[in-house]
N, C-alpha and C. Protein backbone atom coordinates (compact mmCIF):
# COMPACT_ATOMS: atom_id res chain seq x y z
N MET A 1 59.78 -58.14 -22.72
CA MET A 1 58.55 -58.76 -23.19
C MET A 1 57.77 -59.27 -21.99
N LYS A 2 56.50 -58.92 -21.97
CA LYS A 2 55.61 -59.41 -20.93
C LYS A 2 54.94 -60.69 -21.42
N ILE A 3 54.40 -61.47 -20.50
CA ILE A 3 53.69 -62.69 -20.85
C ILE A 3 52.32 -62.65 -20.20
N GLU A 4 51.29 -62.97 -20.99
CA GLU A 4 49.91 -63.04 -20.50
C GLU A 4 49.29 -64.33 -21.00
N GLU A 5 48.23 -64.75 -20.33
CA GLU A 5 47.46 -65.89 -20.80
C GLU A 5 46.12 -65.38 -21.30
N GLY A 6 45.56 -66.08 -22.28
CA GLY A 6 44.24 -65.72 -22.78
C GLY A 6 44.12 -65.87 -24.27
N ASP A 7 43.06 -65.30 -24.80
CA ASP A 7 42.74 -65.38 -26.22
C ASP A 7 43.37 -64.19 -26.94
N LEU A 8 44.20 -64.48 -27.91
CA LEU A 8 44.87 -63.43 -28.68
C LEU A 8 43.88 -62.48 -29.32
N TRP A 9 42.78 -63.01 -29.85
CA TRP A 9 41.80 -62.17 -30.56
C TRP A 9 41.14 -61.15 -29.66
N ASP A 10 41.07 -61.42 -28.36
CA ASP A 10 40.48 -60.46 -27.43
C ASP A 10 41.31 -59.19 -27.32
N ARG A 11 42.55 -59.24 -27.80
CA ARG A 11 43.45 -58.09 -27.67
C ARG A 11 43.46 -57.19 -28.90
N LEU A 12 42.75 -57.55 -29.94
CA LEU A 12 42.78 -56.78 -31.18
C LEU A 12 42.34 -55.34 -30.97
N GLU A 13 41.40 -55.11 -30.09
CA GLU A 13 40.94 -53.73 -29.86
C GLU A 13 41.94 -52.90 -29.06
N HIS A 14 42.95 -53.57 -28.48
CA HIS A 14 43.93 -52.87 -27.64
C HIS A 14 45.27 -52.64 -28.32
N GLY A 15 45.49 -53.29 -29.44
CA GLY A 15 46.77 -53.15 -30.13
C GLY A 15 46.83 -54.04 -31.36
N TYR A 16 48.02 -54.27 -31.82
CA TYR A 16 48.24 -55.16 -32.96
C TYR A 16 48.30 -56.60 -32.47
N ILE A 17 47.91 -57.53 -33.36
CA ILE A 17 48.15 -58.93 -33.07
C ILE A 17 48.97 -59.53 -34.21
N VAL A 18 49.88 -60.42 -33.84
CA VAL A 18 50.80 -61.04 -34.78
C VAL A 18 50.19 -62.36 -35.28
N ILE A 19 50.24 -62.55 -36.59
CA ILE A 19 49.76 -63.77 -37.23
C ILE A 19 50.94 -64.45 -37.91
N PRO A 20 51.34 -65.64 -37.43
CA PRO A 20 52.43 -66.37 -38.09
C PRO A 20 51.97 -66.85 -39.47
N THR A 21 52.85 -66.73 -40.46
CA THR A 21 52.47 -67.07 -41.83
C THR A 21 53.59 -67.85 -42.52
N ASN A 22 53.22 -68.36 -43.70
CA ASN A 22 54.22 -68.90 -44.62
C ASN A 22 54.42 -67.87 -45.73
N ILE A 23 55.52 -68.00 -46.44
CA ILE A 23 55.75 -67.14 -47.60
C ILE A 23 55.40 -67.97 -48.83
N GLY A 24 54.26 -67.70 -49.41
CA GLY A 24 53.83 -68.46 -50.58
C GLY A 24 52.51 -67.95 -51.13
N TRP A 25 52.08 -68.55 -52.23
CA TRP A 25 50.83 -68.16 -52.88
C TRP A 25 50.34 -69.31 -53.75
N LYS A 26 49.03 -69.32 -53.95
CA LYS A 26 48.38 -70.31 -54.80
C LYS A 26 48.18 -69.70 -56.19
N SER A 27 47.66 -70.51 -57.11
CA SER A 27 47.43 -70.03 -58.48
C SER A 27 46.44 -68.87 -58.53
N ASP A 28 45.54 -68.79 -57.55
CA ASP A 28 44.59 -67.68 -57.51
C ASP A 28 45.17 -66.43 -56.85
N GLY A 29 46.45 -66.52 -56.44
CA GLY A 29 47.14 -65.38 -55.84
C GLY A 29 47.04 -65.31 -54.33
N CYS A 30 46.21 -66.13 -53.72
CA CYS A 30 46.04 -66.10 -52.27
C CYS A 30 47.17 -66.83 -51.56
N ASN A 31 47.54 -66.33 -50.41
CA ASN A 31 48.44 -67.06 -49.53
C ASN A 31 47.63 -68.22 -48.94
N VAL A 32 48.29 -69.33 -48.69
CA VAL A 32 47.62 -70.46 -48.05
C VAL A 32 47.54 -70.16 -46.55
N MET A 33 46.32 -69.96 -46.09
CA MET A 33 46.09 -69.66 -44.67
C MET A 33 45.05 -70.66 -44.18
N GLY A 34 45.47 -71.91 -44.10
CA GLY A 34 44.51 -72.99 -43.86
C GLY A 34 44.49 -73.58 -42.47
N ARG A 35 45.40 -73.13 -41.59
CA ARG A 35 45.44 -73.70 -40.26
C ARG A 35 45.82 -72.63 -39.23
N GLY A 36 45.53 -72.93 -37.98
CA GLY A 36 45.96 -72.10 -36.87
C GLY A 36 45.44 -70.67 -36.93
N LEU A 37 46.26 -69.77 -36.42
CA LEU A 37 45.88 -68.36 -36.39
C LEU A 37 45.74 -67.76 -37.79
N ALA A 38 46.51 -68.25 -38.74
CA ALA A 38 46.38 -67.75 -40.11
C ALA A 38 44.98 -68.05 -40.65
N LYS A 39 44.47 -69.25 -40.40
CA LYS A 39 43.11 -69.58 -40.85
C LYS A 39 42.08 -68.71 -40.14
N GLU A 40 42.28 -68.53 -38.84
CA GLU A 40 41.35 -67.67 -38.10
C GLU A 40 41.37 -66.25 -38.66
N ALA A 41 42.55 -65.74 -39.00
CA ALA A 41 42.65 -64.39 -39.60
C ALA A 41 41.94 -64.35 -40.94
N ALA A 42 42.14 -65.38 -41.77
CA ALA A 42 41.50 -65.42 -43.09
C ALA A 42 39.98 -65.51 -42.95
N ASP A 43 39.51 -66.23 -41.94
CA ASP A 43 38.06 -66.33 -41.71
C ASP A 43 37.49 -64.99 -41.23
N ARG A 44 38.21 -64.29 -40.39
CA ARG A 44 37.74 -63.01 -39.85
C ARG A 44 37.89 -61.85 -40.83
N PHE A 45 38.92 -61.93 -41.68
CA PHE A 45 39.23 -60.85 -42.61
C PHE A 45 39.37 -61.46 -44.02
N PRO A 46 38.27 -61.61 -44.73
CA PRO A 46 38.27 -62.36 -46.00
C PRO A 46 39.27 -61.87 -47.05
N GLY A 47 39.71 -60.65 -47.02
CA GLY A 47 40.64 -60.16 -48.02
C GLY A 47 42.11 -60.39 -47.70
N VAL A 48 42.42 -60.85 -46.50
CA VAL A 48 43.82 -60.91 -46.07
C VAL A 48 44.63 -61.94 -46.87
N ALA A 49 44.07 -63.07 -47.21
CA ALA A 49 44.83 -64.11 -47.93
C ALA A 49 45.23 -63.63 -49.32
N LEU A 50 44.33 -62.95 -50.02
CA LEU A 50 44.66 -62.44 -51.35
C LEU A 50 45.68 -61.30 -51.25
N TRP A 51 45.48 -60.39 -50.32
CA TRP A 51 46.41 -59.28 -50.16
C TRP A 51 47.81 -59.78 -49.82
N TYR A 52 47.89 -60.70 -48.85
CA TYR A 52 49.20 -61.19 -48.42
C TYR A 52 49.85 -62.06 -49.50
N GLY A 53 49.05 -62.84 -50.21
CA GLY A 53 49.60 -63.62 -51.32
C GLY A 53 50.25 -62.73 -52.35
N ALA A 54 49.63 -61.59 -52.63
CA ALA A 54 50.20 -60.63 -53.60
C ALA A 54 51.52 -60.07 -53.08
N GLN A 55 51.60 -59.82 -51.77
CA GLN A 55 52.86 -59.31 -51.20
C GLN A 55 53.95 -60.38 -51.30
N CYS A 56 53.59 -61.62 -51.02
CA CYS A 56 54.56 -62.72 -51.10
C CYS A 56 55.04 -62.91 -52.53
N LEU A 57 54.13 -62.83 -53.49
CA LEU A 57 54.50 -62.96 -54.91
C LEU A 57 55.46 -61.83 -55.31
N ARG A 58 55.19 -60.62 -54.85
CA ARG A 58 56.01 -59.47 -55.19
C ARG A 58 57.39 -59.53 -54.54
N LEU A 59 57.46 -59.97 -53.29
CA LEU A 59 58.70 -59.92 -52.53
C LEU A 59 59.45 -61.25 -52.46
N GLY A 60 58.77 -62.34 -52.74
CA GLY A 60 59.40 -63.65 -52.70
C GLY A 60 59.98 -63.97 -51.33
N ALA A 61 61.15 -64.57 -51.32
CA ALA A 61 61.80 -64.98 -50.07
C ALA A 61 62.09 -63.80 -49.14
N GLN A 62 62.09 -62.59 -49.68
CA GLN A 62 62.36 -61.40 -48.87
C GLN A 62 61.10 -60.82 -48.22
N THR A 63 59.98 -61.54 -48.31
CA THR A 63 58.75 -61.08 -47.66
C THR A 63 59.05 -60.83 -46.18
N HIS A 64 58.64 -59.68 -45.71
CA HIS A 64 58.97 -59.24 -44.36
C HIS A 64 57.72 -59.09 -43.51
N VAL A 65 57.92 -58.77 -42.26
CA VAL A 65 56.82 -58.49 -41.36
C VAL A 65 56.09 -57.27 -41.89
N MET A 66 54.76 -57.38 -41.97
CA MET A 66 53.99 -56.25 -42.51
C MET A 66 52.59 -56.21 -41.92
N GLU A 67 52.03 -55.02 -41.94
CA GLU A 67 50.67 -54.81 -41.42
C GLU A 67 49.66 -54.97 -42.54
N TYR A 68 48.61 -55.73 -42.26
CA TYR A 68 47.47 -55.80 -43.18
C TYR A 68 46.78 -54.44 -43.10
N PRO A 69 46.60 -53.74 -44.22
CA PRO A 69 46.12 -52.36 -44.15
C PRO A 69 44.67 -52.18 -43.69
N HIS A 70 43.91 -53.27 -43.56
CA HIS A 70 42.51 -53.14 -43.18
C HIS A 70 42.22 -53.56 -41.75
N SER A 71 43.25 -53.80 -40.98
CA SER A 71 43.09 -54.16 -39.58
C SER A 71 44.43 -54.04 -38.88
N ARG A 72 44.46 -54.34 -37.62
CA ARG A 72 45.71 -54.28 -36.86
C ARG A 72 46.35 -55.66 -36.78
N LEU A 73 46.43 -56.32 -37.92
CA LEU A 73 47.12 -57.61 -38.02
C LEU A 73 48.53 -57.37 -38.52
N ILE A 74 49.49 -57.99 -37.87
CA ILE A 74 50.87 -57.98 -38.34
C ILE A 74 51.19 -59.39 -38.82
N LEU A 75 51.46 -59.52 -40.11
CA LEU A 75 51.77 -60.81 -40.70
C LEU A 75 53.27 -61.06 -40.53
N PHE A 76 53.59 -62.20 -39.93
CA PHE A 76 54.91 -62.49 -39.41
C PHE A 76 55.40 -63.80 -40.03
N PRO A 77 56.23 -63.73 -41.08
CA PRO A 77 56.68 -64.96 -41.74
C PRO A 77 57.48 -65.87 -40.81
N VAL A 78 57.09 -67.14 -40.78
CA VAL A 78 57.84 -68.16 -40.03
C VAL A 78 58.23 -69.34 -40.91
N LYS A 79 57.48 -69.56 -41.99
CA LYS A 79 57.78 -70.68 -42.90
C LYS A 79 58.30 -70.10 -44.22
N PRO A 80 59.47 -70.56 -44.66
CA PRO A 80 60.09 -69.98 -45.85
C PRO A 80 59.38 -70.37 -47.15
N LEU A 81 59.71 -69.64 -48.17
CA LEU A 81 59.17 -69.87 -49.51
C LEU A 81 59.70 -71.18 -50.08
N ASN A 82 58.81 -71.99 -50.61
CA ASN A 82 59.17 -73.13 -51.44
C ASN A 82 59.21 -72.57 -52.86
N GLU A 83 60.40 -72.25 -53.34
CA GLU A 83 60.50 -71.54 -54.62
C GLU A 83 59.98 -72.35 -55.79
N ALA A 84 60.14 -73.66 -55.75
CA ALA A 84 59.67 -74.51 -56.85
C ALA A 84 58.15 -74.66 -56.84
N GLN A 85 57.56 -74.67 -55.64
CA GLN A 85 56.12 -74.84 -55.50
C GLN A 85 55.61 -73.93 -54.38
N PRO A 86 55.44 -72.65 -54.69
CA PRO A 86 55.07 -71.69 -53.64
C PRO A 86 53.77 -72.03 -52.92
N TRP A 87 52.87 -72.73 -53.57
CA TRP A 87 51.59 -73.11 -52.97
C TRP A 87 51.77 -74.17 -51.89
N LEU A 88 52.97 -74.76 -51.80
CA LEU A 88 53.23 -75.77 -50.78
C LEU A 88 54.13 -75.24 -49.65
N SER A 89 54.39 -73.95 -49.64
CA SER A 89 55.24 -73.38 -48.58
C SER A 89 54.67 -73.65 -47.19
N TRP A 90 53.37 -73.75 -47.08
CA TRP A 90 52.73 -73.99 -45.79
C TRP A 90 53.18 -75.31 -45.18
N ARG A 91 53.65 -76.25 -45.99
CA ARG A 91 54.09 -77.54 -45.48
C ARG A 91 55.45 -77.49 -44.79
N ASN A 92 56.22 -76.45 -45.05
CA ASN A 92 57.55 -76.33 -44.46
C ASN A 92 57.47 -76.26 -42.94
N LYS A 93 58.51 -76.72 -42.30
CA LYS A 93 58.67 -76.48 -40.87
C LYS A 93 59.06 -75.02 -40.70
N ALA A 94 58.61 -74.41 -39.63
CA ALA A 94 59.02 -73.03 -39.36
C ALA A 94 60.55 -72.99 -39.27
N ASP A 95 61.10 -71.92 -39.82
CA ASP A 95 62.55 -71.77 -39.92
C ASP A 95 63.03 -70.81 -38.83
N LEU A 96 63.98 -71.27 -38.03
CA LEU A 96 64.45 -70.45 -36.90
C LEU A 96 65.10 -69.15 -37.36
N ALA A 97 65.84 -69.20 -38.45
CA ALA A 97 66.46 -67.97 -38.95
C ALA A 97 65.39 -66.98 -39.42
N LEU A 98 64.33 -67.48 -40.04
CA LEU A 98 63.24 -66.61 -40.49
C LEU A 98 62.48 -66.05 -39.29
N ILE A 99 62.26 -66.87 -38.27
CA ILE A 99 61.60 -66.38 -37.06
C ILE A 99 62.44 -65.26 -36.43
N GLU A 100 63.75 -65.47 -36.39
CA GLU A 100 64.61 -64.45 -35.80
C GLU A 100 64.61 -63.17 -36.64
N ARG A 101 64.66 -63.32 -37.96
CA ARG A 101 64.60 -62.14 -38.83
C ARG A 101 63.29 -61.38 -38.62
N SER A 102 62.19 -62.13 -38.56
CA SER A 102 60.88 -61.50 -38.36
C SER A 102 60.79 -60.82 -37.00
N ALA A 103 61.35 -61.45 -35.97
CA ALA A 103 61.35 -60.85 -34.62
C ALA A 103 62.15 -59.55 -34.63
N TRP A 104 63.30 -59.56 -35.29
CA TRP A 104 64.11 -58.34 -35.37
C TRP A 104 63.32 -57.23 -36.09
N GLN A 105 62.67 -57.59 -37.21
CA GLN A 105 61.88 -56.60 -37.94
C GLN A 105 60.75 -56.06 -37.06
N LEU A 106 60.11 -56.94 -36.31
CA LEU A 106 59.03 -56.51 -35.43
C LEU A 106 59.55 -55.57 -34.35
N SER A 107 60.77 -55.81 -33.90
CA SER A 107 61.35 -54.95 -32.85
C SER A 107 61.52 -53.51 -33.32
N GLU A 108 61.57 -53.31 -34.63
CA GLU A 108 61.72 -51.99 -35.22
C GLU A 108 60.38 -51.32 -35.54
N TRP A 109 59.28 -51.96 -35.16
CA TRP A 109 57.94 -51.45 -35.49
C TRP A 109 57.75 -50.07 -34.90
N PRO A 110 57.29 -49.10 -35.69
CA PRO A 110 57.15 -47.73 -35.18
C PRO A 110 55.99 -47.59 -34.19
N GLY A 111 56.10 -46.59 -33.36
CA GLY A 111 55.03 -46.25 -32.43
C GLY A 111 55.16 -46.95 -31.09
N ASN A 112 54.12 -46.79 -30.28
CA ASN A 112 54.11 -47.35 -28.94
C ASN A 112 52.93 -48.28 -28.68
N THR A 113 52.13 -48.54 -29.71
CA THR A 113 50.97 -49.40 -29.55
C THR A 113 51.40 -50.80 -29.13
N PRO A 114 50.71 -51.41 -28.17
CA PRO A 114 51.06 -52.77 -27.78
C PRO A 114 50.97 -53.75 -28.96
N ILE A 115 51.85 -54.74 -28.94
CA ILE A 115 51.85 -55.78 -29.96
C ILE A 115 51.77 -57.12 -29.25
N TYR A 116 50.70 -57.86 -29.54
CA TYR A 116 50.43 -59.14 -28.91
C TYR A 116 50.89 -60.27 -29.83
N ILE A 117 51.67 -61.17 -29.27
CA ILE A 117 52.36 -62.19 -30.07
C ILE A 117 52.02 -63.58 -29.55
N PRO A 118 51.65 -64.49 -30.46
CA PRO A 118 51.51 -65.89 -30.04
C PRO A 118 52.90 -66.54 -30.03
N MET A 119 52.99 -67.77 -29.64
CA MET A 119 54.25 -68.50 -29.69
C MET A 119 54.48 -68.92 -31.14
N VAL A 120 55.02 -68.00 -31.92
CA VAL A 120 55.17 -68.17 -33.37
C VAL A 120 56.04 -69.38 -33.71
N GLY A 121 55.59 -70.12 -34.72
CA GLY A 121 56.37 -71.25 -35.22
C GLY A 121 56.27 -72.52 -34.40
N CYS A 122 55.51 -72.50 -33.31
CA CYS A 122 55.49 -73.65 -32.40
C CYS A 122 54.23 -74.51 -32.51
N GLY A 123 53.25 -74.07 -33.26
CA GLY A 123 52.06 -74.89 -33.47
C GLY A 123 52.25 -75.69 -34.75
N ASN A 124 51.64 -75.20 -35.81
CA ASN A 124 51.77 -75.86 -37.11
C ASN A 124 53.18 -75.75 -37.69
N GLY A 125 53.99 -74.87 -37.12
CA GLY A 125 55.37 -74.72 -37.57
C GLY A 125 56.32 -75.78 -37.00
N ARG A 126 55.85 -76.50 -35.98
CA ARG A 126 56.57 -77.66 -35.44
C ARG A 126 57.92 -77.33 -34.79
N GLN A 127 58.09 -76.12 -34.31
CA GLN A 127 59.30 -75.78 -33.57
C GLN A 127 59.03 -75.93 -32.07
N ASP A 128 60.09 -76.02 -31.30
CA ASP A 128 60.01 -76.20 -29.86
C ASP A 128 59.99 -74.83 -29.17
N VAL A 129 59.08 -74.66 -28.25
CA VAL A 129 58.96 -73.41 -27.49
C VAL A 129 60.30 -73.06 -26.83
N LYS A 130 61.01 -74.05 -26.34
CA LYS A 130 62.28 -73.80 -25.63
C LYS A 130 63.35 -73.23 -26.56
N VAL A 131 63.18 -73.42 -27.86
CA VAL A 131 64.12 -72.87 -28.83
C VAL A 131 63.66 -71.50 -29.32
N VAL A 132 62.37 -71.35 -29.54
CA VAL A 132 61.82 -70.11 -30.10
C VAL A 132 61.76 -68.98 -29.06
N LEU A 133 61.39 -69.30 -27.85
CA LEU A 133 61.23 -68.26 -26.83
C LEU A 133 62.48 -67.41 -26.65
N PRO A 134 63.69 -67.98 -26.57
CA PRO A 134 64.88 -67.12 -26.45
C PRO A 134 65.09 -66.20 -27.65
N LEU A 135 64.71 -66.64 -28.84
CA LEU A 135 64.82 -65.76 -30.03
C LEU A 135 63.91 -64.55 -29.87
N LEU A 136 62.69 -64.80 -29.42
CA LEU A 136 61.75 -63.70 -29.23
C LEU A 136 62.22 -62.77 -28.11
N GLU A 137 62.68 -63.35 -27.02
CA GLU A 137 63.14 -62.53 -25.89
C GLU A 137 64.35 -61.68 -26.28
N ARG A 138 65.21 -62.21 -27.12
CA ARG A 138 66.41 -61.46 -27.54
C ARG A 138 66.04 -60.18 -28.27
N HIS A 139 65.00 -60.25 -29.10
CA HIS A 139 64.67 -59.11 -29.96
C HIS A 139 63.49 -58.28 -29.46
N LEU A 140 62.63 -58.88 -28.67
CA LEU A 140 61.40 -58.19 -28.27
C LEU A 140 61.38 -57.95 -26.77
N SER A 141 62.41 -57.30 -26.27
CA SER A 141 62.57 -57.12 -24.83
C SER A 141 61.68 -56.01 -24.25
N SER A 142 61.23 -55.10 -25.08
CA SER A 142 60.40 -53.99 -24.60
C SER A 142 59.07 -54.51 -24.04
N GLU A 143 58.55 -53.82 -23.05
CA GLU A 143 57.25 -54.20 -22.48
C GLU A 143 56.10 -53.96 -23.44
N ARG A 144 56.38 -53.32 -24.55
CA ARG A 144 55.39 -53.11 -25.60
C ARG A 144 54.95 -54.44 -26.21
N PHE A 145 55.84 -55.42 -26.17
CA PHE A 145 55.58 -56.73 -26.76
C PHE A 145 55.04 -57.67 -25.69
N ILE A 146 53.88 -58.26 -25.97
CA ILE A 146 53.23 -59.12 -25.00
C ILE A 146 53.02 -60.49 -25.64
N LEU A 147 53.65 -61.50 -25.07
CA LEU A 147 53.48 -62.87 -25.53
C LEU A 147 52.20 -63.39 -24.90
N VAL A 148 51.29 -63.87 -25.75
CA VAL A 148 50.00 -64.37 -25.27
C VAL A 148 50.00 -65.89 -25.41
N LEU A 149 49.89 -66.54 -24.27
CA LEU A 149 49.87 -68.02 -24.26
C LEU A 149 48.45 -68.52 -24.12
């Protein structure tokens, strides 16, 4: 994994960008994408919250890393499903096991297109970079994966 500094959104024309998400949905079917990169993605791509909410509803806790079909966004679950209140999943702390599962799934992504990754789970997910970085490095060792700080 390479490391670069800069704006993640500037890399969209060069490859995929990873958007950390929660696994959940509101009564209108939309995923809650109210903060951080998820909010920026929802603002830039108005259909992404509804599309991803439908995927979360269909797959539940097994929601996996997936590409939004209308752009080069890779939705990367970091916050687990609150099964009793899925609309509140966004409040969860990012889960290290889920981050690791998502990183492993991302490592299996087909093709050779670069994939640009933020420090997932460390902003609104409230995890420590010193804990998350080794998980990412373990699974995303190829130079295809670029961590953008």
